[in-house]
Amino acid sequence: MDRQKMNYAEFMEKDILVNIPDMVKELLRKIWIILIVAVLVAAGAAGVRYKSDLKTASLESTQKTQTIASLEESLSDSEISDVKAVLALTASLNQQKEYLSDSIYMQIDGVHEDRVSMQYYIEANDASADIADMYIRFINNGGLTAALRQKGVDIESQYLKELVTATSKTEEKNASADMVVDTVPYRSSLSVFVVHQDEKQCIELADSVTECIRDFHDSLLTTVGEHNLSLLDQYYSQVVDEEVWNKGLFYSNNILTETTRLDTLRASLNGSQTNLLQAYLSDGEDKAEASPAKNVPVRINRKVAVFGAAAGFVIACIILALWYVLRGTINCKKELQGMYNLCVLGEMDGSSGNKHVRRGKKNSDSPEVLLAKCINICRTDGISRVMTVSSDTSAPWMKAFKEGMEEAGIQMEIVPELDSAGSIQKMSQYKQIILTKRLKKDHYRDLEKEVQLCMEQQADILGVVLL
């Protein structure tokens, strides 16, 4: 920076110049503060929301309990019984509607039912009837349903059980004197029927049923004893199933009948009974929603915590950025050059002349370079006396700098501050001033005072050394 172009008259009118890259570096150096603020804000926001949710849940539960109790107190026992009768009929009607809509068995066309029939033959030396009953109980009482679910059949157990049925028939053969003795006196036939909505799904389910029955047979060999299970026949067909037709018709008619009855009962309720019914229904819905996980506690809202962390991060960045701008310290070399047109002679380490002022700072100067610059300026301008202002007069680089200047024939005086009486008196002898300023610590107001003092004493600022 050309020293001769410094306009001290405009010096005091400069606005603060913010160096964005340096400000970003400052924020990165303070990242631990930003993270702490983000965590604290996240914890605070989540805590406030948790407390609010806990209070709301407790209040709602208390209000519902109080509402039902107060409504029951205003009604007689017979009126409460009427309300509970409507409630029971409503629950029954909802269950039937749910069954009709969700049951695969009820979706089957009774006139064209897709069915796979399987005929098994069980042979044993004794207790064949008992063994056949074991297969029947396995198929009809839920054992087969559990095995199919384990194999990946994605149908609810209550509806899957309806799709597979079995019957058995036991035949005992007794040997007579004129007949050849049969080595297998007990035989049973096992008939298994699988139904579904279409042919493909029916055949796939039948194959899974066959595998499960075979696995059950293998397990019985180790517990019951030796017996033979043979699959004699398996075939697909479309049949007319009167039972499916009648069952669907029964549920449809029953729903219509109960709906009419329910409307009549509800119409007979008075206002207080209707309010109690609504309270019962609301309480039942809440319990049904909570039934998969009983006594679920109020949990910390993760979204609120994340939002709080983001808000804390942004708030911390804004505060640190404002602090960077408004604290009024000398932050970087470019600010002095851009705002005040001061010549920056070099950047030095404040404690040792062998290190740069900042770790990783590529543009720092060595003591030799600083000395060479100052000597060259002084010789060019014919300067023989220089006064340096430094708060640390005993720094190693300062001593070396003074010795180098004096060896070059330039008298140099070091003073700790410029606004003392002794320093002002010496300014009349040393018209050239070198200022030293600590980055991030010394303020612009102090620099402006020193520049104003130099203007009053008609002294020229040779340049600034940054520490």
Protein backbone atom coordinates (compact mmCIF):
# COMPACT_ATOMS: atom_id res chain seq x y z
CA MET A 1 0.00 0.00 0.00
CA ASP A 2 1.38 3.41 -1.02
CA ARG A 3 1.95 5.47 2.11
CA GLN A 4 1.89 8.74 0.20
CA LYS A 5 -1.74 8.22 -0.79
CA MET A 6 -3.04 8.03 2.77
CA ASN A 7 -5.73 10.66 3.31
CA TYR A 8 -5.88 11.26 7.06
CA ALA A 9 -8.76 13.71 6.66
CA GLU A 10 -11.01 10.90 5.47
CA PHE A 11 -9.57 8.38 7.91
CA MET A 12 -12.20 8.86 10.59
CA GLU A 13 -15.14 8.64 8.13
CA LYS A 14 -14.59 5.03 7.06
CA ASP A 15 -17.27 2.43 7.70
CA ILE A 16 -16.33 -0.99 8.99
CA LEU A 17 -15.30 -3.33 6.19
CA VAL A 18 -16.19 -6.98 6.79
CA ASN A 19 -13.97 -9.63 5.23
CA ILE A 20 -16.34 -12.54 4.60
CA PRO A 21 -13.71 -15.33 4.30
CA ASP A 22 -12.11 -14.24 7.56
CA MET A 23 -15.50 -14.12 9.25
CA VAL A 24 -16.24 -17.67 8.06
CA LYS A 25 -12.90 -18.83 9.46
CA GLU A 26 -13.75 -17.15 12.75
CA LEU A 27 -17.07 -19.03 12.86
CA LEU A 28 -15.28 -22.31 12.18
CA ARG A 29 -12.86 -21.57 15.01
CA LYS A 30 -15.88 -21.06 17.28
CA ILE A 31 -17.74 -24.14 16.01
CA TRP A 32 -17.71 -25.69 19.48
CA ILE A 33 -19.73 -22.73 20.79
CA ILE A 34 -22.20 -23.13 17.92
CA LEU A 35 -22.63 -26.84 18.62
CA ILE A 36 -23.14 -26.26 22.34
CA VAL A 37 -25.82 -23.64 21.64
CA ALA A 38 -27.50 -25.99 19.11
CA VAL A 39 -27.59 -28.83 21.66
CA LEU A 40 -28.91 -26.57 24.42
CA VAL A 41 -31.66 -25.11 22.22
CA ALA A 42 -32.61 -28.59 20.97
CA ALA A 43 -32.79 -29.90 24.53
CA GLY A 44 -34.78 -26.88 25.67
CA ALA A 45 -37.28 -27.07 22.79
CA ALA A 46 -37.74 -30.83 23.16
CA GLY A 47 -38.10 -30.48 26.93
CA VAL A 48 -40.75 -27.77 26.65
CA ARG A 49 -42.68 -29.80 24.07
CA TYR A 50 -42.38 -32.97 26.17
CA LYS A 51 -43.69 -31.17 29.25
CA SER A 52 -46.55 -29.70 27.23
CA ASP A 53 -47.50 -33.08 25.72
CA LEU A 54 -47.32 -34.76 29.13
CA LYS A 55 -49.59 -32.13 30.63
CA THR A 56 -52.02 -32.34 27.72
CA ALA A 57 -52.20 -36.15 27.86
CA SER A 58 -52.79 -36.10 31.60
CA LEU A 59 -55.44 -33.39 31.26
CA GLU A 60 -57.29 -35.23 28.47
CA SER A 61 -57.33 -38.47 30.45
CA THR A 62 -58.62 -36.69 33.54
CA GLN A 63 -61.27 -34.81 31.59
CA LYS A 64 -62.57 -38.01 29.94
CA THR A 65 -62.77 -39.81 33.25
CA GLN A 66 -64.53 -36.88 34.87
CA THR A 67 -66.92 -36.49 31.91
CA ILE A 68 -68.05 -40.15 31.97
CA ALA A 69 -68.40 -40.14 35.76
CA SER A 70 -70.44 -36.91 35.81
CA LEU A 71 -72.73 -38.14 33.01
CA GLU A 72 -73.34 -41.46 34.78
CA GLU A 73 -74.26 -39.63 37.99
CA SER A 74 -76.99 -37.69 36.16
CA LEU A 75 -78.66 -40.87 34.83
CA SER A 76 -80.56 -43.72 36.46
CA ASP A 77 -79.38 -47.33 36.37
CA SER A 78 -81.95 -48.28 33.74
CA GLU A 79 -80.92 -45.37 31.52
CA ILE A 80 -77.26 -46.38 31.82
CA SER A 81 -78.24 -49.97 30.94
CA ASP A 82 -79.99 -48.70 27.79
CA VAL A 83 -76.83 -46.82 26.79
CA LYS A 84 -74.66 -49.90 27.39
CA ALA A 85 -77.07 -52.00 25.32
CA VAL A 86 -76.65 -49.59 22.41
CA LEU A 87 -72.90 -49.66 22.95
CA ALA A 88 -72.81 -53.48 22.86
CA LEU A 89 -74.99 -53.60 19.74
CA THR A 90 -72.73 -51.03 18.05
CA ALA A 91 -69.65 -53.12 18.84
CA SER A 92 -71.34 -56.29 17.53
CA LEU A 93 -72.39 -54.55 14.33
CA ASN A 94 -68.88 -53.17 13.75
CA GLN A 95 -67.36 -56.63 14.24
CA GLN A 96 -69.72 -58.18 11.68
CA LYS A 97 -69.00 -55.44 9.15
CA GLU A 98 -65.28 -55.86 9.69
CA TYR A 99 -65.59 -59.61 9.20
CA LEU A 100 -67.53 -59.25 5.96
CA SER A 101 -65.02 -56.77 4.53
CA ASP A 102 -61.79 -58.47 5.69
CA SER A 103 -62.56 -62.19 5.57
CA ILE A 104 -61.28 -63.90 2.41
CA TYR A 105 -63.86 -66.67 2.95
CA MET A 106 -66.65 -64.10 2.67
CA GLN A 107 -65.22 -62.79 -0.61
CA ILE A 108 -65.49 -66.21 -2.27
CA ASP A 109 -68.26 -66.67 -4.85
CA GLY A 110 -70.35 -69.54 -3.49
CA VAL A 111 -71.58 -70.45 -6.97
CA HIS A 112 -68.04 -70.77 -8.40
CA GLU A 113 -65.84 -71.66 -5.45
CA ASP A 114 -62.18 -72.43 -6.24
CA ARG A 115 -61.27 -75.56 -4.26
CA VAL A 116 -58.36 -77.99 -4.03
CA SER A 117 -59.28 -81.39 -2.57
CA MET A 118 -56.63 -83.69 -1.10
CA GLN A 119 -57.24 -87.30 -0.09
CA TYR A 120 -54.81 -88.87 2.40
CA TYR A 121 -54.63 -92.44 3.65
CA ILE A 122 -53.32 -93.23 7.15
CA GLU A 123 -52.15 -96.76 7.94
CA ALA A 124 -51.04 -97.98 11.38
CA ASN A 125 -50.81 -101.21 13.36
CA ASP A 126 -52.95 -99.73 16.10
CA ALA A 127 -54.60 -96.51 17.24
CA SER A 128 -55.20 -95.32 13.70
CA ALA A 129 -58.30 -93.44 14.78
CA ASP A 130 -56.36 -91.52 17.40
CA ILE A 131 -53.69 -90.61 14.87
CA ALA A 132 -56.32 -89.38 12.41
CA ASP A 133 -57.84 -87.23 15.17
CA MET A 134 -54.42 -85.68 15.76
CA TYR A 135 -54.30 -84.61 12.11
CA ILE A 136 -57.85 -83.28 12.33
CA ARG A 137 -57.05 -81.25 15.47
CA PHE A 138 -53.84 -79.97 13.85
CA ILE A 139 -55.74 -78.72 10.79
CA ASN A 140 -58.98 -77.48 12.35
CA ASN A 141 -57.78 -76.12 15.73
CA GLY A 142 -55.06 -73.67 14.70
CA GLY A 143 -51.87 -75.75 14.44
CA LEU A 144 -51.90 -75.66 10.64
CA THR A 145 -52.66 -71.93 10.66
CA ALA A 146 -49.59 -71.21 12.81
CA ALA A 147 -47.41 -73.40 10.56
CA LEU A 148 -48.65 -71.62 7.43
CA ARG A 149 -47.92 -68.22 8.99
CA GLN A 150 -44.38 -69.36 9.75
CA LYS A 151 -43.97 -70.34 6.11
CA GLY A 152 -44.84 -66.78 5.06
CA VAL A 153 -48.55 -67.00 4.20
CA ASP A 154 -49.64 -63.39 4.68
CA ILE A 155 -53.21 -63.88 5.87
CA GLU A 156 -54.47 -63.13 9.38
CA SER A 157 -54.88 -66.28 11.45
CA GLN A 158 -58.62 -65.84 12.09
CA TYR A 159 -59.29 -65.63 8.35
CA LEU A 160 -56.73 -68.22 7.27
CA LYS A 161 -58.33 -70.84 9.51
CA GLU A 162 -61.57 -70.65 7.47
CA LEU A 163 -59.85 -71.54 4.20
CA VAL A 164 -58.67 -75.05 5.20
CA THR A 165 -60.92 -77.77 6.63
CA ALA A 166 -60.51 -81.53 7.14
CA THR A 167 -62.58 -84.63 7.87
CA SER A 168 -61.57 -88.24 8.54
CA LYS A 169 -63.05 -91.73 8.43
CA THR A 170 -61.59 -94.74 10.22
CA GLU A 171 -61.90 -98.35 9.02
CA GLU A 172 -60.97 -101.34 11.23
CA LYS A 173 -60.36 -104.74 9.55
CA ASN A 174 -60.76 -107.90 11.60
CA ALA A 175 -59.24 -111.17 10.35
CA SER A 176 -61.46 -114.35 10.18
CA ALA A 177 -60.38 -118.00 10.20
CA ASP A 178 -60.81 -118.48 6.47
CA MET A 179 -59.14 -115.16 5.48
CA VAL A 180 -55.54 -114.09 5.19
CA VAL A 181 -54.55 -111.97 8.18
CA ASP A 182 -54.02 -108.30 7.22
CA THR A 183 -50.77 -106.94 8.62
CA VAL A 184 -52.28 -103.44 8.81
CA PRO A 185 -55.57 -103.80 10.74
CA TYR A 186 -56.22 -100.00 11.11
CA ARG A 187 -56.77 -97.59 8.22
CA SER A 188 -58.11 -94.02 8.15
CA SER A 189 -58.92 -91.67 5.31
CA LEU A 190 -58.18 -87.95 5.72
CA SER A 191 -59.90 -85.43 3.43
CA VAL A 192 -58.48 -81.89 3.31
CA PHE A 193 -60.19 -79.04 1.45
CA VAL A 194 -58.55 -75.70 0.57
CA VAL A 195 -60.55 -72.77 -0.83
CA HIS A 196 -59.57 -69.28 -1.98
CA GLN A 197 -60.70 -66.38 -4.14
CA ASP A 198 -59.10 -67.59 -7.40
CA GLU A 199 -57.42 -70.66 -8.87
CA LYS A 200 -53.80 -69.47 -8.56
CA GLN A 201 -54.02 -68.46 -4.92
CA CYS A 202 -55.95 -71.61 -4.09
CA ILE A 203 -53.30 -73.91 -5.60
CA GLU A 204 -50.45 -71.98 -3.93
CA LEU A 205 -52.14 -72.25 -0.53
CA ALA A 206 -52.80 -75.97 -1.09
CA ASP A 207 -49.10 -76.58 -1.81
CA SER A 208 -48.19 -74.85 1.45
CA VAL A 209 -50.78 -76.94 3.31
CA THR A 210 -49.28 -80.13 1.87
CA GLU A 211 -45.83 -79.15 3.11
CA CYS A 212 -47.14 -78.37 6.60
CA ILE A 213 -49.02 -81.70 6.85
CA ARG A 214 -45.88 -83.55 5.78
CA ASP A 215 -43.85 -81.71 8.44
CA PHE A 216 -46.48 -82.60 11.04
CA HIS A 217 -46.30 -86.24 9.97
CA ASP A 218 -42.53 -86.25 10.50
CA SER A 219 -42.94 -84.79 13.99
CA LEU A 220 -45.56 -87.42 14.90
CA LEU A 221 -43.21 -90.27 13.98
CA THR A 222 -40.99 -89.38 16.94
CA THR A 223 -43.83 -88.87 19.46
CA VAL A 224 -46.71 -91.24 18.53
CA GLY A 225 -45.05 -94.04 16.67
CA GLU A 226 -44.70 -95.54 13.25
CA HIS A 227 -47.53 -94.91 10.78
CA ASN A 228 -47.84 -94.23 7.09
CA LEU A 229 -49.42 -91.10 5.55
CA SER A 230 -50.05 -91.33 1.81
CA LEU A 231 -51.42 -88.61 -0.49
CA LEU A 232 -53.70 -90.60 -2.79
CA ASP A 233 -55.16 -87.76 -4.81
CA GLN A 234 -55.06 -83.94 -5.17
CA TYR A 235 -57.16 -82.05 -7.68
CA TYR A 236 -58.54 -78.57 -8.36
CA SER A 237 -62.19 -77.92 -9.10
CA GLN A 238 -64.87 -75.26 -9.11
CA VAL A 239 -67.87 -76.18 -7.03
CA VAL A 240 -71.06 -74.68 -5.68
CA ASP A 241 -70.65 -74.14 -1.94
CA GLU A 242 -74.00 -73.63 -0.28
CA GLU A 243 -72.36 -73.04 3.10
CA VAL A 244 -70.43 -69.97 1.84
CA TRP A 245 -73.56 -68.62 0.21
CA ASN A 246 -75.72 -69.11 3.31
CA LYS A 247 -73.09 -67.69 5.67
CA GLY A 248 -72.67 -64.53 3.62
CA LEU A 249 -76.44 -64.16 3.35
CA PHE A 250 -76.80 -64.64 7.11
CA TYR A 251 -74.29 -61.90 7.94
CA SER A 252 -75.79 -59.49 5.40
CA ASN A 253 -79.32 -59.97 6.72
CA ASN A 254 -78.13 -59.81 10.32
CA ILE A 255 -76.32 -56.52 9.68
CA LEU A 256 -79.45 -55.01 8.12
CA THR A 257 -81.57 -56.18 11.04
CA GLU A 258 -79.16 -54.94 13.71
CA THR A 259 -78.68 -51.62 11.93
CA THR A 260 -82.41 -51.00 12.00
CA ARG A 261 -82.58 -52.03 15.65
CA LEU A 262 -79.63 -49.82 16.52
CA ASP A 263 -81.22 -46.79 14.85
CA THR A 264 -84.39 -47.38 16.86
CA LEU A 265 -82.52 -47.71 20.15
CA ARG A 266 -80.42 -44.63 19.53
CA ALA A 267 -83.49 -42.61 18.64
CA SER A 268 -85.00 -43.52 22.01
CA LEU A 269 -82.05 -42.10 23.98
CA ASN A 270 -82.38 -38.70 25.61
CA GLY A 271 -79.72 -35.98 25.40
CA SER A 272 -77.76 -37.07 28.47
CA GLN A 273 -77.80 -40.70 27.31
CA THR A 274 -76.54 -39.65 23.88
CA ASN A 275 -73.69 -37.67 25.45
CA LEU A 276 -72.75 -40.65 27.62
CA LEU A 277 -72.82 -42.93 24.57
CA GLN A 278 -70.49 -40.57 22.71
CA ALA A 279 -68.15 -40.49 25.71
CA TYR A 280 -68.13 -44.31 25.85
CA LEU A 281 -67.43 -44.55 22.12
CA SER A 282 -64.64 -41.95 22.29
CA ASP A 283 -63.04 -43.69 25.26
CA GLY A 284 -63.28 -47.04 23.47
CA GLU A 285 -61.60 -45.66 20.33
CA ASP A 286 -58.73 -44.25 22.37
CA LYS A 287 -58.25 -47.59 24.13
CA ALA A 288 -58.38 -49.45 20.81
CA GLU A 289 -55.72 -47.19 19.32
CA ALA A 290 -53.49 -47.70 22.37
CA SER A 291 -54.10 -51.46 22.63
CA PRO A 292 -51.07 -52.57 20.51
CA ALA A 293 -48.80 -50.84 22.99
CA LYS A 294 -50.41 -50.49 26.41
CA ASN A 295 -49.43 -47.66 28.68
CA VAL A 296 -47.39 -45.95 25.99
CA PRO A 297 -45.62 -43.03 27.67
CA VAL A 298 -45.32 -39.58 26.17
CA ARG A 299 -42.06 -39.49 24.21
CA ILE A 300 -39.68 -36.72 23.24
CA ASN A 301 -40.64 -35.25 19.88
CA ARG A 302 -37.66 -35.81 17.58
CA LYS A 303 -38.87 -33.33 14.99
CA VAL A 304 -38.99 -30.59 17.60
CA ALA A 305 -35.49 -31.55 18.78
CA VAL A 306 -34.10 -31.42 15.22
CA PHE A 307 -35.83 -28.12 14.55
CA GLY A 308 -34.45 -26.75 17.83
CA ALA A 309 -30.94 -27.87 16.93
CA ALA A 310 -31.18 -26.20 13.52
CA ALA A 311 -32.59 -23.02 15.06
CA GLY A 312 -29.85 -23.01 17.72
CA PHE A 313 -27.20 -23.47 15.05
CA VAL A 314 -28.51 -20.55 13.00
CA ILE A 315 -28.97 -18.32 16.05
CA ALA A 316 -25.42 -19.03 17.26
CA CYS A 317 -24.00 -18.26 13.81
CA ILE A 318 -25.93 -14.98 13.63
CA ILE A 319 -24.82 -13.94 17.12
CA LEU A 320 -21.17 -14.77 16.43
CA ALA A 321 -21.30 -12.98 13.08
CA LEU A 322 -22.74 -9.86 14.75
CA TRP A 323 -20.14 -10.15 17.49
CA TYR A 324 -17.43 -10.38 14.82
CA VAL A 325 -18.69 -7.22 13.11
CA LEU A 326 -19.58 -5.14 16.16
CA ARG A 327 -16.76 -6.01 18.55
CA GLY A 328 -14.60 -3.41 16.81
CA THR A 329 -11.31 -5.33 16.73
CA ILE A 330 -8.80 -5.45 13.91
CA ASN A 331 -9.58 -8.78 12.30
CA CYS A 332 -7.36 -9.08 9.26
CA LYS A 333 -4.84 -7.32 7.05
CA LYS A 334 -7.34 -6.53 4.29
CA GLU A 335 -9.50 -4.48 6.63
CA LEU A 336 -6.64 -2.05 7.35
CA GLN A 337 -5.77 -1.79 3.71
CA GLY A 338 -9.36 -1.41 2.49
CA MET A 339 -10.69 0.86 5.24
CA TYR A 340 -7.74 3.09 6.09
CA ASN A 341 -5.29 2.67 3.22
CA LEU A 342 -2.54 1.93 5.74
CA CYS A 343 0.62 0.17 4.66
CA VAL A 344 0.89 -3.24 6.35
CA LEU A 345 4.61 -3.85 6.71
CA GLY A 346 4.22 -7.47 7.79
CA GLU A 347 2.58 -10.00 10.03
CA MET A 348 4.62 -11.37 12.90
CA ASP A 349 4.18 -13.72 15.82
CA GLY A 350 3.75 -11.79 19.04
CA SER A 351 5.87 -14.19 21.14
CA SER A 352 8.64 -15.51 18.89
CA GLY A 353 10.40 -14.27 15.82
CA ASN A 354 10.86 -17.77 14.44
CA LYS A 355 7.15 -18.57 13.91
CA HIS A 356 4.39 -17.11 11.83
CA VAL A 357 1.65 -15.24 13.53
CA ARG A 358 -0.99 -17.86 12.76
CA ARG A 359 -0.63 -21.54 12.16
CA GLY A 360 -1.28 -22.37 8.54
CA LYS A 361 -1.14 -18.67 7.52
CA LYS A 362 0.57 -18.68 4.14
CA ASN A 363 1.19 -14.91 3.83
CA SER A 364 3.06 -14.36 7.12
CA ASP A 365 6.43 -12.66 7.00
CA SER A 366 9.71 -13.67 8.58
CA PRO A 367 11.64 -11.11 10.69
CA GLU A 368 14.20 -10.76 7.90
CA VAL A 369 11.55 -9.83 5.34
CA LEU A 370 10.01 -7.24 7.68
CA LEU A 371 13.42 -5.72 8.36
CA ALA A 372 14.25 -5.56 4.65
CA LYS A 373 10.97 -3.82 3.85
CA CYS A 374 11.44 -1.17 6.52
CA ILE A 375 15.07 -0.51 5.60
CA ASN A 376 14.15 -0.15 1.94
CA ILE A 377 11.31 2.31 2.72
CA CYS A 378 13.52 4.38 4.98
CA ARG A 379 16.37 4.58 2.47
CA THR A 380 13.97 5.41 -0.35
CA ASP A 381 12.34 8.25 1.60
CA GLY A 382 15.52 9.38 3.33
CA ILE A 383 14.29 8.48 6.81
CA SER A 384 16.91 8.20 9.53
CA ARG A 385 14.73 8.06 12.63
CA VAL A 386 11.75 5.85 13.36
CA MET A 387 9.61 5.41 16.48
CA THR A 388 7.87 2.06 16.95
CA VAL A 389 4.83 1.71 19.18
CA SER A 390 4.54 -1.76 20.72
CA SER A 391 2.87 -2.98 23.90
CA ASP A 392 5.44 -5.81 24.13
CA THR A 393 8.82 -4.09 23.92
CA SER A 394 10.69 -7.19 25.07
CA ALA A 395 9.55 -9.54 22.31
CA PRO A 396 12.51 -11.35 20.64
CA TRP A 397 11.52 -10.25 17.16
CA MET A 398 11.28 -6.62 18.34
CA LYS A 399 14.82 -6.65 19.73
CA ALA A 400 16.14 -8.23 16.56
CA PHE A 401 14.21 -5.72 14.49
CA LYS A 402 15.67 -2.75 16.39
CA GLU A 403 19.21 -4.10 16.12
CA GLY A 404 18.81 -4.63 12.39
CA MET A 405 17.48 -1.11 11.83
CA GLU A 406 20.32 0.47 13.80
CA GLU A 407 22.91 -1.62 11.94
CA ALA A 408 21.45 -0.14 8.75
CA GLY A 409 22.03 3.35 10.15
CA ILE A 410 18.44 4.05 11.13
CA GLN A 411 17.88 5.18 14.69
CA MET A 412 14.86 3.42 16.25
CA GLU A 413 13.01 4.12 19.49
CA ILE A 414 10.49 1.66 20.97
CA VAL A 415 7.68 3.02 23.16
CA PRO A 416 4.90 1.01 24.83
CA GLU A 417 2.13 3.49 24.00
CA LEU A 418 1.70 6.56 21.87
CA ASP A 419 -0.57 8.73 24.02
CA SER A 420 1.84 9.10 26.94
CA ALA A 421 3.63 12.39 27.64
CA GLY A 422 7.07 10.92 26.89
CA SER A 423 5.94 9.44 23.57
CA ILE A 424 4.34 12.70 22.46
CA GLN A 425 7.54 14.60 23.20
CA LYS A 426 9.57 12.11 21.17
CA MET A 427 7.20 12.44 18.22
CA SER A 428 8.72 15.84 17.49
CA GLN A 429 12.10 14.10 16.95
CA TYR A 430 10.77 10.93 15.27
CA LYS A 431 8.36 12.02 12.58
CA GLN A 432 7.96 8.49 11.26
CA ILE A 433 5.83 6.11 13.29
CA ILE A 434 5.49 2.32 13.04
CA LEU A 435 2.41 0.93 14.82
CA THR A 436 2.06 -2.68 16.01
CA LYS A 437 -1.41 -4.12 16.39
CA ARG A 438 -2.65 -7.48 17.66
CA LEU A 439 -5.22 -9.16 15.47
CA LYS A 440 -8.53 -10.03 17.14
CA LYS A 441 -7.49 -8.06 20.28
CA ASP A 442 -6.70 -4.41 19.52
CA HIS A 443 -9.67 -2.21 18.68
CA TYR A 444 -10.17 0.24 15.84
CA ARG A 445 -10.99 3.01 18.30
CA ASP A 446 -7.43 2.76 19.71
CA LEU A 447 -6.01 2.80 16.20
CA GLU A 448 -8.10 5.86 15.34
CA LYS A 449 -6.88 7.67 18.47
CA GLU A 450 -3.27 7.00 17.51
CA VAL A 451 -3.82 8.15 13.93
CA GLN A 452 -5.59 11.28 15.17
CA LEU A 453 -2.66 11.95 17.53
CA CYS A 454 -0.21 11.56 14.66
CA MET A 455 -2.25 14.03 12.62
CA GLU A 456 -2.18 16.54 15.46
CA GLN A 457 1.58 16.15 15.90
CA GLN A 458 2.16 16.19 12.13
CA ALA A 459 3.79 12.75 12.26
CA ASP A 460 3.64 10.28 9.36
CA ILE A 461 2.66 6.65 9.87
CA LEU A 462 5.27 4.57 8.15
CA GLY A 463 3.15 1.44 8.38
CA VAL A 464 1.58 -1.18 10.64
CA VAL A 465 2.98 -4.48 11.86
CA LEU A 466 0.30 -7.01 12.70
CA LEU A 467 0.82 -9.53 15.50
